Structure formats: C-alpha cells, structure tokens
PDB file of N, CA and C in Angstrom:
ATOM      1  N   MET A   1     -10.469  48.992-110.941  1.00  0.00           N
ATOM      2  CA  MET A   1     -11.870  47.788-110.813  1.00  0.00           C
ATOM      3  C   MET A   1     -12.333  46.817-109.337  1.00  0.00           C
ATOM      4  N   SER A   2     -13.366  47.591-108.187  1.00  0.00           N
ATOM      5  CA  SER A   2     -13.571  47.869-106.723  1.00  0.00           C
ATOM      6  C   SER A   2     -13.863  46.193-106.576  1.00  0.00           C
ATOM      7  N   LEU A   3     -13.887  45.755-105.952  1.00  0.00           N
ATOM      8  CA  LEU A   3     -14.563  43.580-105.188  1.00  0.00           C
ATOM      9  C   LEU A   3     -15.895  44.492-104.644  1.00  0.00           C
ATOM     10  N   ASP A   4     -16.723  44.182-106.041  1.00  0.00           N
ATOM     11  CA  ASP A   4     -18.620  44.134-105.365  1.00  0.00           C
ATOM     12  C   ASP A   4     -18.612  43.283-104.463  1.00  0.00           C
ATOM     13  N   LEU A   5     -18.641  42.947-102.783  1.00  0.00           N
ATOM     14  CA  LEU A   5     -19.798  40.846-102.342  1.00  0.00           C
ATOM     15  C   LEU A   5     -21.168  42.028-102.221  1.00  0.00           C
ATOM     16  N   ALA A   6     -21.600  42.302-102.369  1.00  0.00           N
ATOM     17  CA  ALA A   6     -23.096  42.264-102.995  1.00  0.00           C
ATOM     18  C   ALA A   6     -23.789  41.032-103.472  1.00  0.00           C
ATOM     19  N   ASN A   7     -24.901  40.120-102.840  1.00  0.00           N
ATOM     20  CA  ASN A   7     -24.879  39.355-103.526  1.00  0.00           C
ATOM     21  C   ASN A   7     -24.125  38.615-103.336  1.00  0.00           C
ATOM     22  N   TYR A   8     -23.146  38.372-102.715  1.00  0.00           N
ATOM     23  CA  TYR A   8     -21.552  37.785-103.496  1.00  0.00           C
ATOM     24  C   TYR A   8     -22.229  35.812-103.330  1.00  0.00           C
ATOM     25  N   GLU A   9     -23.795  35.428-102.206  1.00  0.00           N
ATOM     26  CA  GLU A   9     -23.807  34.573-101.907  1.00  0.00           C
ATOM     27  C   GLU A   9     -24.600  34.137-103.419  1.00  0.00           C
ATOM     28  N   THR A  10     -25.724  34.341-104.201  1.00  0.00           N
ATOM     29  CA  THR A  10     -25.847  34.834-105.139  1.00  0.00           C
ATOM     30  C   THR A  10     -25.234  34.903-106.296  1.00  0.00           C
ATOM     31  N   GLN A  11     -24.213  35.150-106.323  1.00  0.00           N
ATOM     32  CA  GLN A  11     -23.040  35.007-107.183  1.00  0.00           C
ATOM     33  C   GLN A  11     -22.466  33.979-107.443  1.00  0.00           C
ATOM     34  N   ALA A  12     -21.996  33.449-106.555  1.00  0.00           N
ATOM     35  CA  ALA A  12     -20.954  32.313-106.533  1.00  0.00           C
ATOM     36  C   ALA A  12     -21.948  31.325-106.412  1.00  0.00           C
ATOM     37  N   ARG A  13     -23.292  31.027-106.493  1.00  0.00           N
ATOM     38  CA  ARG A  13     -24.418  30.352-106.675  1.00  0.00           C
ATOM     39  C   ARG A  13     -24.673  30.307-108.631  1.00  0.00           C
ATOM     40  N   GLU A  14     -24.141  31.304-108.946  1.00  0.00           N
ATOM     41  CA  GLU A  14     -25.353  31.869-110.184  1.00  0.00           C
ATOM     42  C   GLU A  14     -23.954  30.521-111.244  1.00  0.00           C
ATOM     43  N   ALA A  15     -22.485  31.274-110.212  1.00  0.00           N
ATOM     44  CA  ALA A  15     -21.518  31.203-111.282  1.00  0.00           C
ATOM     45  C   ALA A  15     -21.110  29.626-111.140  1.00  0.00           C
ATOM     46  N   VAL A  16     -21.284  29.064-110.692  1.00  0.00           N
ATOM     47  CA  VAL A  16     -21.250  27.420-110.241  1.00  0.00           C
ATOM     48  C   VAL A  16     -22.201  27.373-111.473  1.00  0.00           C
ATOM     49  N   LYS A  17     -23.402  27.029-111.055  1.00  0.00           N
ATOM     50  CA  LYS A  17     -24.713  26.711-112.276  1.00  0.00           C
ATOM     51  C   LYS A  17     -23.759  26.946-113.633  1.00  0.00           C
ATOM     52  N   ARG A  18     -23.689  27.979-113.697  1.00  0.00           N
ATOM     53  CA  ARG A  18     -22.496  28.678-115.170  1.00  0.00           C
ATOM     54  C   ARG A  18     -21.368  27.458-115.551  1.00  0.00           C
ATOM     55  N   PHE A  19     -20.351  27.489-115.006  1.00  0.00           N
ATOM     56  CA  PHE A  19     -19.226  25.968-114.836  1.00  0.00           C
ATOM     57  C   PHE A  19     -20.139  25.066-114.937  1.00  0.00           C
ATOM     58  N   TRP A  20     -20.860  24.355-114.736  1.00  0.00           N
ATOM     59  CA  TRP A  20     -21.679  24.074-114.744  1.00  0.00           C
ATOM     60  C   TRP A  20     -22.752  23.288-115.887  1.00  0.00           C
ATOM     61  N   SER A  21     -23.614  23.745-116.050  1.00  0.00           N
ATOM     62  CA  SER A  21     -23.607  23.640-117.441  1.00  0.00           C
ATOM     63  C   SER A  21     -22.929  23.700-118.194  1.00  0.00           C
ATOM     64  N   ASN A  22     -22.548  24.530-118.134  1.00  0.00           N
ATOM     65  CA  ASN A  22     -20.573  25.095-119.694  1.00  0.00           C
ATOM     66  C   ASN A  22     -20.840  23.241-119.159  1.00  0.00           C
ATOM     67  N   ARG A  23     -19.895  22.307-119.093  1.00  0.00           N
ATOM     68  CA  ARG A  23     -19.038  21.936-118.884  1.00  0.00           C
ATOM     69  C   ARG A  23     -20.196  20.578-119.462  1.00  0.00           C
ATOM     70  N   GLU A  24     -20.692  20.068-119.359  1.00  0.00           N
ATOM     71  CA  GLU A  24     -22.196  19.509-119.896  1.00  0.00           C
ATOM     72  C   GLU A  24     -22.644  19.591-120.952  1.00  0.00           C
ATOM     73  N   ALA A  25     -22.436  21.021-121.055  1.00  0.00           N
ATOM     74  CA  ALA A  25     -22.678  21.669-122.824  1.00  0.00           C
ATOM     75  C   ALA A  25     -21.341  20.998-123.898  1.00  0.00           C
ATOM     76  N   ALA A  26     -20.811  20.846-123.281  1.00  0.00           N
ATOM     77  CA  ALA A  26     -18.700  20.735-124.219  1.00  0.00           C
ATOM     78  C   ALA A  26     -18.839  19.117-123.691  1.00  0.00           C
ATOM     79  N   LEU A  27     -19.943  18.767-123.971  1.00  0.00           N
ATOM     80  CA  LEU A  27     -19.090  17.264-123.025  1.00  0.00           C
ATOM     81  C   LEU A  27     -20.431  16.733-124.713  1.00  0.00           C
ATOM     82  N   ALA A  28     -21.506  17.943-124.308  1.00  0.00           N
ATOM     83  CA  ALA A  28     -22.796  16.900-125.049  1.00  0.00           C
ATOM     84  C   ALA A  28     -22.371  17.602-126.535  1.00  0.00           C
ATOM     85  N   ARG A  29     -21.427  19.042-126.824  1.00  0.00           N
ATOM     86  CA  ARG A  29     -21.083  19.158-128.113  1.00  0.00           C
ATOM     87  C   ARG A  29     -19.824  17.673-128.768  1.00  0.00           C
ATOM     88  N   GLN A  30     -18.807  17.541-127.116  1.00  0.00           N
ATOM     89  CA  GLN A  30     -17.616  16.279-128.558  1.00  0.00           C
ATOM     90  C   GLN A  30     -18.362  15.384-129.020  1.00  0.00           C
ATOM     91  N   ILE A  31     -19.582  15.122-127.520  1.00  0.00           N
ATOM     92  CA  ILE A  31     -20.283  13.856-128.203  1.00  0.00           C
ATOM     93  C   ILE A  31     -21.167  13.421-129.454  1.00  0.00           C
ATOM     94  N   GLN A  32     -21.440  14.767-129.403  1.00  0.00           N
ATOM     95  CA  GLN A  32     -22.479  15.069-130.653  1.00  0.00           C
ATOM     96  C   GLN A  32     -21.584  14.923-132.863  1.00  0.00           C
ATOM     97  N   SER A  33     -20.520  16.129-132.190  1.00  0.00           N
ATOM     98  CA  SER A  33     -19.355  16.539-133.134  1.00  0.00           C
ATOM     99  C   SER A  33     -18.836  14.665-132.722  1.00  0.00           C
ATOM    100  N   GLY A  34     -18.489  13.442-132.758  1.00  0.00           N
ATOM    101  CA  GLY A  34     -18.056  12.542-132.624  1.00  0.00           C
ATOM    102  C   GLY A  34     -16.857  12.248-132.345  1.00  0.00           C
ATOM    103  N   ASN A  35     -16.152  13.128-131.339  1.00  0.00           N
ATOM    104  CA  ASN A  35     -14.278  14.082-131.521  1.00  0.00           C
ATOM    105  C   ASN A  35     -14.027  13.855-129.702  1.00  0.00           C
ATOM    106  N   GLN A  36     -15.087  12.691-129.131  1.00  0.00           N
ATOM    107  CA  GLN A  36     -14.978  12.597-127.755  1.00  0.00           C
ATOM    108  C   GLN A  36     -13.897  12.869-127.267  1.00  0.00           C
ATOM    109  N   ASP A  37     -13.043  13.372-125.776  1.00  0.00           N
ATOM    110  CA  ASP A  37     -11.716  13.549-125.619  1.00  0.00           C
ATOM    111  C   ASP A  37     -11.506  11.945-124.309  1.00  0.00           C
ATOM    112  N   THR A  38     -11.197  11.544-124.015  1.00  0.00           N
ATOM    113  CA  THR A  38     -11.177  10.249-122.836  1.00  0.00           C
ATOM    114  C   THR A  38     -11.094  11.179-121.941  1.00  0.00           C
ATOM    115  N   GLY A  39     -12.016  10.038-121.219  1.00  0.00           N
ATOM    116  CA  GLY A  39     -12.864  10.380-119.732  1.00  0.00           C
ATOM    117  C   GLY A  39     -13.489  11.851-119.500  1.00  0.00           C
ATOM    118  N   SER A  40     -14.014  12.064-118.631  1.00  0.00           N
ATOM    119  CA  SER A  40     -13.601  13.355-118.569  1.00  0.00           C
ATOM    120  C   SER A  40     -13.719  14.827-118.953  1.00  0.00           C
ATOM    121  N   HIS A  41     -12.072  14.556-119.704  1.00  0.00           N
ATOM    122  CA  HIS A  41     -11.382  15.225-120.323  1.00  0.00           C
ATOM    123  C   HIS A  41     -12.058  16.274-121.046  1.00  0.00           C
ATOM    124  N   GLY A  42     -13.373  15.408-121.946  1.00  0.00           N
ATOM    125  CA  GLY A  42     -13.899  16.052-123.208  1.00  0.00           C
ATOM    126  C   GLY A  42     -14.109  17.574-122.142  1.00  0.00           C
ATOM    127  N   ALA A  43     -14.808  17.309-121.131  1.00  0.00           N
ATOM    128  CA  ALA A  43     -16.569  18.525-120.512  1.00  0.00           C
ATOM    129  C   ALA A  43     -14.882  19.969-120.229  1.00  0.00           C
ATOM    130  N   VAL A  44     -14.111  19.355-120.252  1.00  0.00           N
ATOM    131  CA  VAL A  44     -12.681  20.900-119.772  1.00  0.00           C
ATOM    132  C   VAL A  44     -12.579  21.997-121.032  1.00  0.00           C
ATOM    133  N   THR A  45     -12.242  21.105-122.178  1.00  0.00           N
ATOM    134  CA  THR A  45     -11.204  21.023-122.688  1.00  0.00           C
ATOM    135  C   THR A  45     -11.735  22.596-124.275  1.00  0.00           C
ATOM    136  N   ALA A  46     -13.674  22.832-124.169  1.00  0.00           N
ATOM    137  CA  ALA A  46     -13.753  23.696-125.444  1.00  0.00           C
ATOM    138  C   ALA A  46     -13.078  24.883-124.752  1.00  0.00           C
ATOM    139  N   GLY A  47     -13.064  25.349-123.993  1.00  0.00           N
ATOM    140  CA  GLY A  47     -12.568  26.613-123.236  1.00  0.00           C
ATOM    141  C   GLY A  47     -13.774  27.332-122.820  1.00  0.00           C
ATOM    142  N   LYS A  48     -14.702  27.470-122.815  1.00  0.00           N
ATOM    143  CA  LYS A  48     -16.099  28.728-122.066  1.00  0.00           C
ATOM    144  C   LYS A  48     -15.664  28.314-120.655  1.00  0.00           C
ATOM    145  N   ASN A  49     -15.140  27.594-119.220  1.00  0.00           N
ATOM    146  CA  ASN A  49     -14.395  27.787-118.111  1.00  0.00           C
ATOM    147  C   ASN A  49     -13.984  28.340-117.297  1.00  0.00           C
ATOM    148  N   ALA A  50     -13.271  29.043-118.951  1.00  0.00           N
ATOM    149  CA  ALA A  50     -12.274  29.852-117.598  1.00  0.00           C
ATOM    150  C   ALA A  50     -13.079  31.319-118.314  1.00  0.00           C
ATOM    151  N   ALA A  51     -14.048  31.816-119.355  1.00  0.00           N
ATOM    152  CA  ALA A  51     -14.346  32.893-119.307  1.00  0.00           C
ATOM    153  C   ALA A  51     -15.263  32.782-118.471  1.00  0.00           C
ATOM    154  N   VAL A  52     -16.188  32.047-117.989  1.00  0.00           N
ATOM    155  CA  VAL A  52     -17.107  32.026-117.298  1.00  0.00           C
ATOM    156  C   VAL A  52     -16.372  32.469-116.256  1.00  0.00           C
ATOM    157  N   ALA A  53     -15.823  31.868-115.637  1.00  0.00           N
ATOM    158  CA  ALA A  53     -14.696  32.318-114.266  1.00  0.00           C
ATOM    159  C   ALA A  53     -14.433  34.612-114.267  1.00  0.00           C
ATOM    160  N   ALA A  54     -14.112  34.806-115.973  1.00  0.00           N
ATOM    161  CA  ALA A  54     -13.847  35.710-115.491  1.00  0.00           C
ATOM    162  C   ALA A  54     -15.004  36.798-115.714  1.00  0.00           C
ATOM    163  N   LYS A  55     -16.112  36.556-116.332  1.00  0.00           N
ATOM    164  CA  LYS A  55     -17.906  37.350-116.414  1.00  0.00           C
ATOM    165  C   LYS A  55     -17.526  37.411-114.680  1.00  0.00           C
ATOM    166  N   GLY A  56     -17.406  36.636-114.370  1.00  0.00           N
ATOM    167  CA  GLY A  56     -17.557  36.636-112.144  1.00  0.00           C
ATOM    168  C   GLY A  56     -19.298  37.141-112.251  1.00  0.00           C
TER     169      GLY A  56
END
C-alpha cells in the first residue's frame, strides 16, 4: 500500500469533517436512546471515529 499525497489538503479537510460529523451523530444517538454518557464521553464511545480514521 503506497502513500498517496495527491490532494492531501482536501483529503485531510474531508477526514476532519467526517470525524466531527460522526462524533456529533454518536452523541445524538446516545441522547435519543436515553443512555448518554457523562460529559463529552458519549461522543467518542460509539466506535465510529476509529473506522473513519482507517478509511482515510
């Protein structure tokens, strides 16, 4: 697997957007389910953020 740096600025910008969108969605799901973790912990416990980073 080679490292493709073409359009790295665009790719980085999109990755950051996906990260924050997934974080917000995870928190919204926890609030909706009535099972919200303390503080901002719920936004990171859904397990999607690592998957987003892996997709790159």
